[in-house]
């Protein structure tokens, strides 16, 4: 039914919001008019936010160590 809110879920939604916000901002200023350097900055912002979103979804959780490991005496 409903899953508890986890850090992973919050990170996924936050990164999706970052992509939406950076794309909408770039689109708004593109409609007003931008020069070449502003286009480059907008493209870098959108590519960066998409990279963050991909990294959040692809990054694996750290593996936990086994409790039954033998000690070295």
C-alpha atoms as a PDB file:
ATOM      1  CA  UNK A   1       0.000   0.000   0.000  1.00  0.00           C
ATOM      2  CA  UNK A   2       2.150   2.862   1.242  1.00  0.00           C
ATOM      3  CA  UNK A   3       5.858   2.687   1.848  1.00  0.00           C
ATOM      4  CA  UNK A   4       7.585   4.678   4.558  1.00  0.00           C
ATOM      5  CA  UNK A   5       9.394   7.833   3.531  1.00  0.00           C
ATOM      6  CA  UNK A   6      13.105   7.054   3.243  1.00  0.00           C
ATOM      7  CA  UNK A   7      16.167   9.142   2.518  1.00  0.00           C
ATOM      8  CA  UNK A   8      16.424   7.503  -0.900  1.00  0.00           C
ATOM      9  CA  UNK A   9      12.858   8.473  -1.787  1.00  0.00           C
ATOM     10  CA  UNK A  10      13.417  12.070  -0.672  1.00  0.00           C
ATOM     11  CA  UNK A  11      16.669  12.252  -2.661  1.00  0.00           C
ATOM     12  CA  UNK A  12      14.949  10.924  -5.809  1.00  0.00           C
ATOM     13  CA  UNK A  13      12.115  13.444  -5.594  1.00  0.00           C
ATOM     14  CA  UNK A  14      14.482  16.305  -4.758  1.00  0.00           C
ATOM     15  CA  UNK A  15      16.700  15.512  -7.736  1.00  0.00           C
ATOM     16  CA  UNK A  16      13.652  15.323 -10.004  1.00  0.00           C
ATOM     17  CA  UNK A  17      12.576  18.730  -8.695  1.00  0.00           C
ATOM     18  CA  UNK A  18      16.047  20.091  -9.401  1.00  0.00           C
ATOM     19  CA  UNK A  19      15.825  18.915 -13.018  1.00  0.00           C
ATOM     20  CA  UNK A  20      12.366  20.473 -13.378  1.00  0.00           C
ATOM     21  CA  UNK A  21      13.450  23.758 -11.804  1.00  0.00           C
ATOM     22  CA  UNK A  22      16.647  24.116 -13.826  1.00  0.00           C
ATOM     23  CA  UNK A  23      14.877  23.215 -17.076  1.00  0.00           C
ATOM     24  CA  UNK A  24      12.023  25.624 -16.397  1.00  0.00           C
ATOM     25  CA  UNK A  25      14.399  28.441 -15.486  1.00  0.00           C
ATOM     26  CA  UNK A  26      16.532  27.854 -18.572  1.00  0.00           C
ATOM     27  CA  UNK A  27      13.421  27.723 -20.758  1.00  0.00           C
ATOM     28  CA  UNK A  28      12.039  30.926 -19.287  1.00  0.00           C
ATOM     29  CA  UNK A  29      15.230  32.885 -19.873  1.00  0.00           C
ATOM     30  CA  UNK A  30      15.612  31.342 -23.323  1.00  0.00           C
ATOM     31  CA  UNK A  31      12.183  32.706 -24.224  1.00  0.00           C
ATOM     32  CA  UNK A  32      13.205  36.182 -23.052  1.00  0.00           C
ATOM     33  CA  UNK A  33      16.491  36.021 -24.929  1.00  0.00           C
ATOM     34  CA  UNK A  34      19.988  34.945 -23.977  1.00  0.00           C
ATOM     35  CA  UNK A  35      23.451  35.460 -25.392  1.00  0.00           C
ATOM     36  CA  UNK A  36      25.922  32.649 -26.125  1.00  0.00           C
ATOM     37  CA  UNK A  37      27.477  32.597 -22.646  1.00  0.00           C
ATOM     38  CA  UNK A  38      24.072  32.450 -20.974  1.00  0.00           C
ATOM     39  CA  UNK A  39      23.108  29.548 -23.241  1.00  0.00           C
ATOM     40  CA  UNK A  40      26.265  27.738 -22.160  1.00  0.00           C
ATOM     41  CA  UNK A  41      25.500  28.319 -18.486  1.00  0.00           C
ATOM     42  CA  UNK A  42      21.922  27.151 -18.885  1.00  0.00           C
ATOM     43  CA  UNK A  43      23.042  24.014 -20.712  1.00  0.00           C
ATOM     44  CA  UNK A  44      25.600  23.294 -17.988  1.00  0.00           C
ATOM     45  CA  UNK A  45      22.941  23.728 -15.281  1.00  0.00           C
ATOM     46  CA  UNK A  46      20.511  21.367 -16.989  1.00  0.00           C
ATOM     47  CA  UNK A  47      23.200  18.763 -17.720  1.00  0.00           C
ATOM     48  CA  UNK A  48      24.436  19.023 -14.133  1.00  0.00           C
ATOM     49  CA  UNK A  49      20.992  18.536 -12.635  1.00  0.00           C
ATOM     50  CA  UNK A  50      20.315  15.548 -14.897  1.00  0.00           C
ATOM     51  CA  UNK A  51      23.672  14.096 -13.818  1.00  0.00           C
ATOM     52  CA  UNK A  52      22.677  14.474 -10.165  1.00  0.00           C
ATOM     53  CA  UNK A  53      19.347  12.758 -10.821  1.00  0.00           C
ATOM     54  CA  UNK A  54      21.034   9.845 -12.598  1.00  0.00           C
ATOM     55  CA  UNK A  55      23.643   9.496  -9.848  1.00  0.00           C
ATOM     56  CA  UNK A  56      20.954   9.406  -7.151  1.00  0.00           C
ATOM     57  CA  UNK A  57      19.081   6.622  -8.919  1.00  0.00           C
ATOM     58  CA  UNK A  58      22.121   4.549  -9.923  1.00  0.00           C
ATOM     59  CA  UNK A  59      24.232   4.838  -6.766  1.00  0.00           C
ATOM     60  CA  UNK A  60      24.134   1.625  -4.737  1.00  0.00           C
ATOM     61  CA  UNK A  61      23.709   1.476  -0.991  1.00  0.00           C
ATOM     62  CA  UNK A  62      26.886   0.520   0.875  1.00  0.00           C
ATOM     63  CA  UNK A  63      27.266  -3.177   1.576  1.00  0.00           C
ATOM     64  CA  UNK A  64      27.137  -4.204   5.204  1.00  0.00           C
ATOM     65  CA  UNK A  65      29.953  -6.319   6.619  1.00  0.00           C
ATOM     66  CA  UNK A  66      29.219  -9.850   7.722  1.00  0.00           C
ATOM     67  CA  UNK A  67      28.929 -10.294  11.472  1.00  0.00           C
ATOM     68  CA  UNK A  68      30.447 -13.779  11.440  1.00  0.00           C
ATOM     69  CA  UNK A  69      33.926 -12.779  10.289  1.00  0.00           C
ATOM     70  CA  UNK A  70      36.776 -14.587  12.041  1.00  0.00           C
ATOM     71  CA  UNK A  71      39.139 -12.548  14.155  1.00  0.00           C
ATOM     72  CA  UNK A  72      42.890 -12.621  13.604  1.00  0.00           C
ATOM     73  CA  UNK A  73      44.485 -13.629  16.918  1.00  0.00           C
END
